[in-house]
Structures are given as C-alpha cells and as structure tokens.
Amino acid sequence: QAPAALADHEQRVAAGARLAHEVAKGNCLACHAMPSDERAITSANIGPPLVAIRARFPDRELLRRQVWDAGMVNPDTVMPPFGRNQILTTEEIDLIVDYLYTL
C-alpha cells in the first residue's frame, strides 16, 4: 500500500479500537474476549471471542451486518443492535469492522 493509504488504514483501525473499547459506544469487552489486544485482558464469555475474524467472516459485509443488528441472523441474540438502535453510526460501525478485521 502507498504510505498515505497505509497511514489512513492505521488511523481507521486505531479509531475502531477506541470505539470498540469505549463503554458508551461499542463496549465489546463487556461480552467478548479479545486476546490479541493488550488492553483487552478480559474473561468475558457472553459472546464468542473476537479472534480470527477474517476467517470467521470472510465476507466483510456479513460482519458489518452482525454489528449493525445481529438479530437479523439470530433472533435470540443478546448482542445489542448497534446500528438499528443508533448506538453507533454507520461510520463508527465501519471503523469497528476495520479494527475487528485485524484480530
């Protein structure tokens, strides 16, 4: 990647990580273990560990939909519908997906 594109990608991933860890926004650590992230030492096990995301969601749009409203796939989910309930904006969800794809 060109240096500017790489810097932009790194900034997006960093912004997504902040959102994912922010209690008032993504708060992913409340339910998910994220073992590849130094800041995320947690034993949360409500949701699956956020590891090998690219392997689990090779179609990026499916991961995005999962964050937007996991209930569309699993009506019994306890995952909040972050997009549908306007907890996160479309851009914030895209940033979190950028970050999750690094795990």
N, C-alpha and C. Protein backbone atom coordinates (compact mmCIF):
# COMPACT_ATOMS: atom_id res chain seq x y z
N GLN A 1 0.84 -1.19 0.00
CA GLN A 1 0.00 0.00 0.00
C GLN A 1 0.88 1.24 0.00
N ALA A 2 0.36 2.30 -0.57
CA ALA A 2 1.07 3.57 -0.55
C ALA A 2 1.11 4.08 0.88
N PRO A 3 2.14 4.83 1.25
CA PRO A 3 2.27 5.32 2.63
C PRO A 3 1.03 6.07 3.13
N ALA A 4 0.42 6.90 2.32
CA ALA A 4 -0.76 7.66 2.76
C ALA A 4 -1.93 6.72 3.01
N ALA A 5 -2.12 5.74 2.14
CA ALA A 5 -3.21 4.79 2.32
C ALA A 5 -2.98 3.94 3.56
N LEU A 6 -1.73 3.55 3.80
CA LEU A 6 -1.40 2.76 4.98
C LEU A 6 -1.65 3.57 6.25
N ALA A 7 -1.24 4.83 6.24
CA ALA A 7 -1.46 5.69 7.41
C ALA A 7 -2.94 5.86 7.66
N ASP A 8 -3.73 6.05 6.60
CA ASP A 8 -5.17 6.20 6.75
C ASP A 8 -5.78 4.92 7.33
N HIS A 9 -5.34 3.77 6.82
CA HIS A 9 -5.84 2.49 7.33
C HIS A 9 -5.49 2.33 8.82
N GLU A 10 -4.26 2.65 9.18
CA GLU A 10 -3.83 2.54 10.58
C GLU A 10 -4.65 3.48 11.47
N GLN A 11 -4.96 4.66 10.99
CA GLN A 11 -5.77 5.61 11.75
C GLN A 11 -7.19 5.08 11.92
N ARG A 12 -7.73 4.47 10.88
CA ARG A 12 -9.07 3.90 10.96
C ARG A 12 -9.11 2.74 11.95
N VAL A 13 -8.10 1.89 11.92
CA VAL A 13 -8.03 0.76 12.85
C VAL A 13 -7.93 1.27 14.28
N ALA A 14 -7.09 2.28 14.51
CA ALA A 14 -6.95 2.85 15.86
C ALA A 14 -8.26 3.46 16.33
N ALA A 15 -8.95 4.17 15.45
CA ALA A 15 -10.24 4.76 15.80
C ALA A 15 -11.26 3.67 16.10
N GLY A 16 -11.25 2.60 15.33
CA GLY A 16 -12.16 1.48 15.57
C GLY A 16 -11.88 0.80 16.89
N ALA A 17 -10.60 0.67 17.24
CA ALA A 17 -10.23 0.06 18.53
C ALA A 17 -10.75 0.92 19.68
N ARG A 18 -10.59 2.23 19.56
CA ARG A 18 -11.10 3.12 20.62
C ARG A 18 -12.62 2.97 20.78
N LEU A 19 -13.33 2.94 19.66
CA LEU A 19 -14.79 2.78 19.72
C LEU A 19 -15.18 1.42 20.30
N ALA A 20 -14.47 0.38 19.92
CA ALA A 20 -14.78 -0.97 20.40
C ALA A 20 -14.60 -1.08 21.91
N HIS A 21 -13.66 -0.31 22.46
CA HIS A 21 -13.37 -0.36 23.89
C HIS A 21 -14.13 0.68 24.70
N GLU A 22 -14.73 1.65 24.05
CA GLU A 22 -15.41 2.73 24.75
C GLU A 22 -16.74 2.24 25.33
N VAL A 23 -16.91 2.41 26.62
CA VAL A 23 -18.09 1.90 27.32
C VAL A 23 -19.38 2.50 26.75
N ALA A 24 -19.36 3.75 26.38
CA ALA A 24 -20.58 4.41 25.88
C ALA A 24 -20.84 4.12 24.40
N LYS A 25 -19.96 3.39 23.76
CA LYS A 25 -20.13 3.11 22.33
C LYS A 25 -20.17 1.59 22.11
N GLY A 26 -19.08 1.02 21.57
CA GLY A 26 -19.08 -0.41 21.26
C GLY A 26 -19.09 -1.30 22.48
N ASN A 27 -18.21 -1.00 23.43
CA ASN A 27 -18.11 -1.75 24.68
C ASN A 27 -18.01 -3.26 24.42
N CYS A 28 -17.27 -3.65 23.41
CA CYS A 28 -17.14 -5.05 23.03
C CYS A 28 -16.61 -5.91 24.17
N LEU A 29 -15.77 -5.31 25.04
CA LEU A 29 -15.15 -6.06 26.12
C LEU A 29 -16.15 -6.53 27.16
N ALA A 30 -17.33 -5.96 27.19
CA ALA A 30 -18.33 -6.38 28.16
C ALA A 30 -18.77 -7.82 27.89
N CYS A 31 -18.72 -8.24 26.64
CA CYS A 31 -19.23 -9.56 26.27
C CYS A 31 -18.22 -10.46 25.58
N HIS A 32 -17.16 -9.88 24.99
CA HIS A 32 -16.23 -10.65 24.17
C HIS A 32 -14.82 -10.59 24.73
N ALA A 33 -14.13 -11.73 24.73
CA ALA A 33 -12.69 -11.75 24.98
C ALA A 33 -12.00 -11.34 23.69
N MET A 34 -10.97 -10.52 23.83
CA MET A 34 -10.21 -10.06 22.67
C MET A 34 -8.73 -10.28 22.98
N PRO A 35 -8.27 -11.53 22.94
CA PRO A 35 -6.95 -11.86 23.45
C PRO A 35 -5.77 -11.26 22.70
N SER A 36 -5.93 -10.82 21.47
CA SER A 36 -4.80 -10.26 20.74
C SER A 36 -4.57 -8.79 21.05
N ASP A 37 -5.41 -8.21 21.88
CA ASP A 37 -5.32 -6.79 22.20
C ASP A 37 -4.82 -6.65 23.63
N GLU A 38 -3.66 -6.01 23.80
CA GLU A 38 -3.04 -5.86 25.12
C GLU A 38 -3.99 -5.21 26.13
N ARG A 39 -4.78 -4.26 25.69
CA ARG A 39 -5.67 -3.54 26.61
C ARG A 39 -6.89 -4.37 26.98
N ALA A 40 -7.10 -5.45 26.32
CA ALA A 40 -8.35 -6.18 26.45
C ALA A 40 -8.19 -7.50 27.19
N ILE A 41 -7.62 -7.42 28.37
CA ILE A 41 -7.49 -8.63 29.16
C ILE A 41 -8.80 -8.82 29.90
N THR A 42 -9.57 -9.77 29.44
CA THR A 42 -10.90 -9.97 29.98
C THR A 42 -11.27 -11.43 29.93
N SER A 43 -12.17 -11.80 30.79
CA SER A 43 -12.66 -13.17 30.78
C SER A 43 -14.11 -13.21 30.31
N ALA A 44 -14.55 -12.15 29.66
CA ALA A 44 -15.93 -12.09 29.17
C ALA A 44 -16.21 -13.28 28.26
N ASN A 45 -17.38 -13.86 28.43
CA ASN A 45 -17.71 -15.02 27.60
C ASN A 45 -19.19 -15.06 27.22
N ILE A 46 -19.84 -13.92 27.23
CA ILE A 46 -21.24 -13.87 26.79
C ILE A 46 -21.31 -14.11 25.29
N GLY A 47 -20.40 -13.47 24.56
CA GLY A 47 -20.31 -13.65 23.12
C GLY A 47 -19.03 -14.41 22.80
N PRO A 48 -18.87 -14.83 21.56
CA PRO A 48 -17.65 -15.56 21.19
C PRO A 48 -16.42 -14.67 21.26
N PRO A 49 -15.24 -15.25 21.48
CA PRO A 49 -14.02 -14.44 21.46
C PRO A 49 -13.84 -13.80 20.09
N LEU A 50 -13.36 -12.59 20.10
CA LEU A 50 -13.15 -11.88 18.84
C LEU A 50 -11.74 -12.17 18.35
N VAL A 51 -11.60 -13.34 17.75
CA VAL A 51 -10.34 -13.80 17.17
C VAL A 51 -10.62 -14.37 15.79
N ALA A 52 -9.60 -14.38 14.96
CA ALA A 52 -9.71 -14.95 13.62
C ALA A 52 -10.94 -14.44 12.88
N ILE A 53 -11.16 -13.14 12.96
CA ILE A 53 -12.38 -12.55 12.40
C ILE A 53 -12.44 -12.72 10.88
N ARG A 54 -11.33 -12.52 10.19
CA ARG A 54 -11.35 -12.68 8.72
C ARG A 54 -11.73 -14.11 8.33
N ALA A 55 -11.28 -15.09 9.10
CA ALA A 55 -11.62 -16.48 8.80
C ALA A 55 -13.09 -16.75 9.09
N ARG A 56 -13.61 -16.17 10.15
CA ARG A 56 -15.00 -16.40 10.54
C ARG A 56 -15.97 -15.60 9.68
N PHE A 57 -15.53 -14.44 9.22
CA PHE A 57 -16.37 -13.56 8.39
C PHE A 57 -15.58 -13.15 7.14
N PRO A 58 -15.33 -14.08 6.21
CA PRO A 58 -14.58 -13.70 5.02
C PRO A 58 -15.30 -12.64 4.19
N ASP A 59 -16.62 -12.59 4.31
CA ASP A 59 -17.40 -11.55 3.65
C ASP A 59 -17.57 -10.40 4.64
N ARG A 60 -16.85 -9.34 4.40
CA ARG A 60 -16.84 -8.19 5.30
C ARG A 60 -18.25 -7.65 5.57
N GLU A 61 -19.10 -7.68 4.58
CA GLU A 61 -20.46 -7.16 4.73
C GLU A 61 -21.25 -7.98 5.75
N LEU A 62 -21.00 -9.27 5.84
CA LEU A 62 -21.68 -10.09 6.85
C LEU A 62 -21.28 -9.68 8.27
N LEU A 63 -20.01 -9.36 8.46
CA LEU A 63 -19.55 -8.88 9.77
C LEU A 63 -20.19 -7.53 10.08
N ARG A 64 -20.24 -6.68 9.09
CA ARG A 64 -20.85 -5.37 9.26
C ARG A 64 -22.32 -5.50 9.67
N ARG A 65 -23.03 -6.41 9.01
CA ARG A 65 -24.44 -6.65 9.35
C ARG A 65 -24.59 -7.21 10.76
N GLN A 66 -23.64 -8.04 11.16
CA GLN A 66 -23.66 -8.61 12.51
C GLN A 66 -23.56 -7.50 13.56
N VAL A 67 -22.69 -6.55 13.33
CA VAL A 67 -22.55 -5.43 14.28
C VAL A 67 -23.78 -4.53 14.18
N TRP A 68 -24.27 -4.29 12.98
CA TRP A 68 -25.44 -3.42 12.77
C TRP A 68 -26.65 -3.95 13.55
N ASP A 69 -26.95 -5.26 13.35
CA ASP A 69 -28.09 -5.87 14.04
C ASP A 69 -27.97 -7.38 13.96
N ALA A 70 -27.34 -7.98 14.98
CA ALA A 70 -27.13 -9.43 15.00
C ALA A 70 -28.45 -10.19 15.02
N GLY A 71 -29.52 -9.54 15.44
CA GLY A 71 -30.83 -10.18 15.49
C GLY A 71 -31.37 -10.54 14.12
N MET A 72 -30.84 -9.94 13.06
CA MET A 72 -31.29 -10.29 11.72
C MET A 72 -30.89 -11.73 11.37
N VAL A 73 -29.78 -12.19 11.96
CA VAL A 73 -29.31 -13.55 11.71
C VAL A 73 -29.78 -14.49 12.82
N ASN A 74 -29.73 -14.00 14.04
CA ASN A 74 -30.11 -14.82 15.19
C ASN A 74 -31.10 -14.03 16.05
N PRO A 75 -32.38 -14.28 15.93
CA PRO A 75 -33.38 -13.53 16.68
C PRO A 75 -33.24 -13.68 18.20
N ASP A 76 -32.52 -14.70 18.66
CA ASP A 76 -32.34 -14.93 20.09
C ASP A 76 -31.06 -14.33 20.64
N THR A 77 -30.33 -13.57 19.83
CA THR A 77 -29.06 -12.99 20.26
C THR A 77 -29.26 -12.01 21.41
N VAL A 78 -28.23 -11.87 22.23
CA VAL A 78 -28.23 -10.84 23.27
C VAL A 78 -27.38 -9.64 22.85
N MET A 79 -26.80 -9.72 21.66
CA MET A 79 -25.97 -8.61 21.17
C MET A 79 -26.87 -7.44 20.81
N PRO A 80 -26.52 -6.26 21.33
CA PRO A 80 -27.34 -5.08 21.00
C PRO A 80 -27.31 -4.78 19.51
N PRO A 81 -28.40 -4.30 18.96
CA PRO A 81 -28.42 -3.88 17.55
C PRO A 81 -27.83 -2.47 17.44
N PHE A 82 -26.51 -2.41 17.36
CA PHE A 82 -25.79 -1.14 17.44
C PHE A 82 -26.21 -0.14 16.37
N GLY A 83 -26.45 -0.59 15.18
CA GLY A 83 -26.86 0.32 14.11
C GLY A 83 -28.33 0.65 14.17
N ARG A 84 -29.14 -0.38 14.26
CA ARG A 84 -30.61 -0.17 14.27
C ARG A 84 -31.03 0.73 15.43
N ASN A 85 -30.39 0.56 16.59
CA ASN A 85 -30.74 1.38 17.75
C ASN A 85 -29.94 2.68 17.83
N GLN A 86 -29.16 2.96 16.81
CA GLN A 86 -28.38 4.19 16.69
C GLN A 86 -27.42 4.39 17.86
N ILE A 87 -26.88 3.27 18.36
CA ILE A 87 -25.82 3.33 19.37
C ILE A 87 -24.53 3.74 18.67
N LEU A 88 -24.35 3.23 17.46
CA LEU A 88 -23.20 3.56 16.62
C LEU A 88 -23.70 4.07 15.27
N THR A 89 -22.96 5.02 14.72
CA THR A 89 -23.28 5.50 13.38
C THR A 89 -22.75 4.50 12.35
N THR A 90 -23.14 4.67 11.11
CA THR A 90 -22.63 3.83 10.02
C THR A 90 -21.12 3.91 9.96
N GLU A 91 -20.57 5.11 10.05
CA GLU A 91 -19.11 5.29 10.01
C GLU A 91 -18.44 4.61 11.20
N GLU A 92 -19.02 4.72 12.38
CA GLU A 92 -18.43 4.08 13.55
C GLU A 92 -18.43 2.56 13.40
N ILE A 93 -19.49 2.01 12.85
CA ILE A 93 -19.53 0.56 12.61
C ILE A 93 -18.44 0.17 11.61
N ASP A 94 -18.26 0.95 10.56
CA ASP A 94 -17.21 0.66 9.59
C ASP A 94 -15.83 0.71 10.24
N LEU A 95 -15.60 1.65 11.14
CA LEU A 95 -14.32 1.73 11.85
C LEU A 95 -14.11 0.52 12.74
N ILE A 96 -15.14 0.10 13.44
CA ILE A 96 -15.03 -1.09 14.29
C ILE A 96 -14.76 -2.32 13.45
N VAL A 97 -15.41 -2.44 12.31
CA VAL A 97 -15.16 -3.58 11.42
C VAL A 97 -13.70 -3.55 10.93
N ASP A 98 -13.19 -2.37 10.60
CA ASP A 98 -11.77 -2.26 10.21
C ASP A 98 -10.88 -2.82 11.33
N TYR A 99 -11.19 -2.44 12.57
CA TYR A 99 -10.42 -2.92 13.71
C TYR A 99 -10.59 -4.44 13.89
N LEU A 100 -11.81 -4.91 13.88
CA LEU A 100 -12.05 -6.34 14.10
C LEU A 100 -11.34 -7.19 13.06
N TYR A 101 -11.20 -6.68 11.85
CA TYR A 101 -10.52 -7.44 10.80
C TYR A 101 -9.02 -7.57 11.07
N THR A 102 -8.49 -6.87 12.05
CA THR A 102 -7.08 -7.02 12.42
C THR A 102 -6.91 -8.09 13.49
N LEU A 103 -8.00 -8.55 14.07
CA LEU A 103 -7.92 -9.54 15.16
C LEU A 103 -7.90 -10.95 14.61
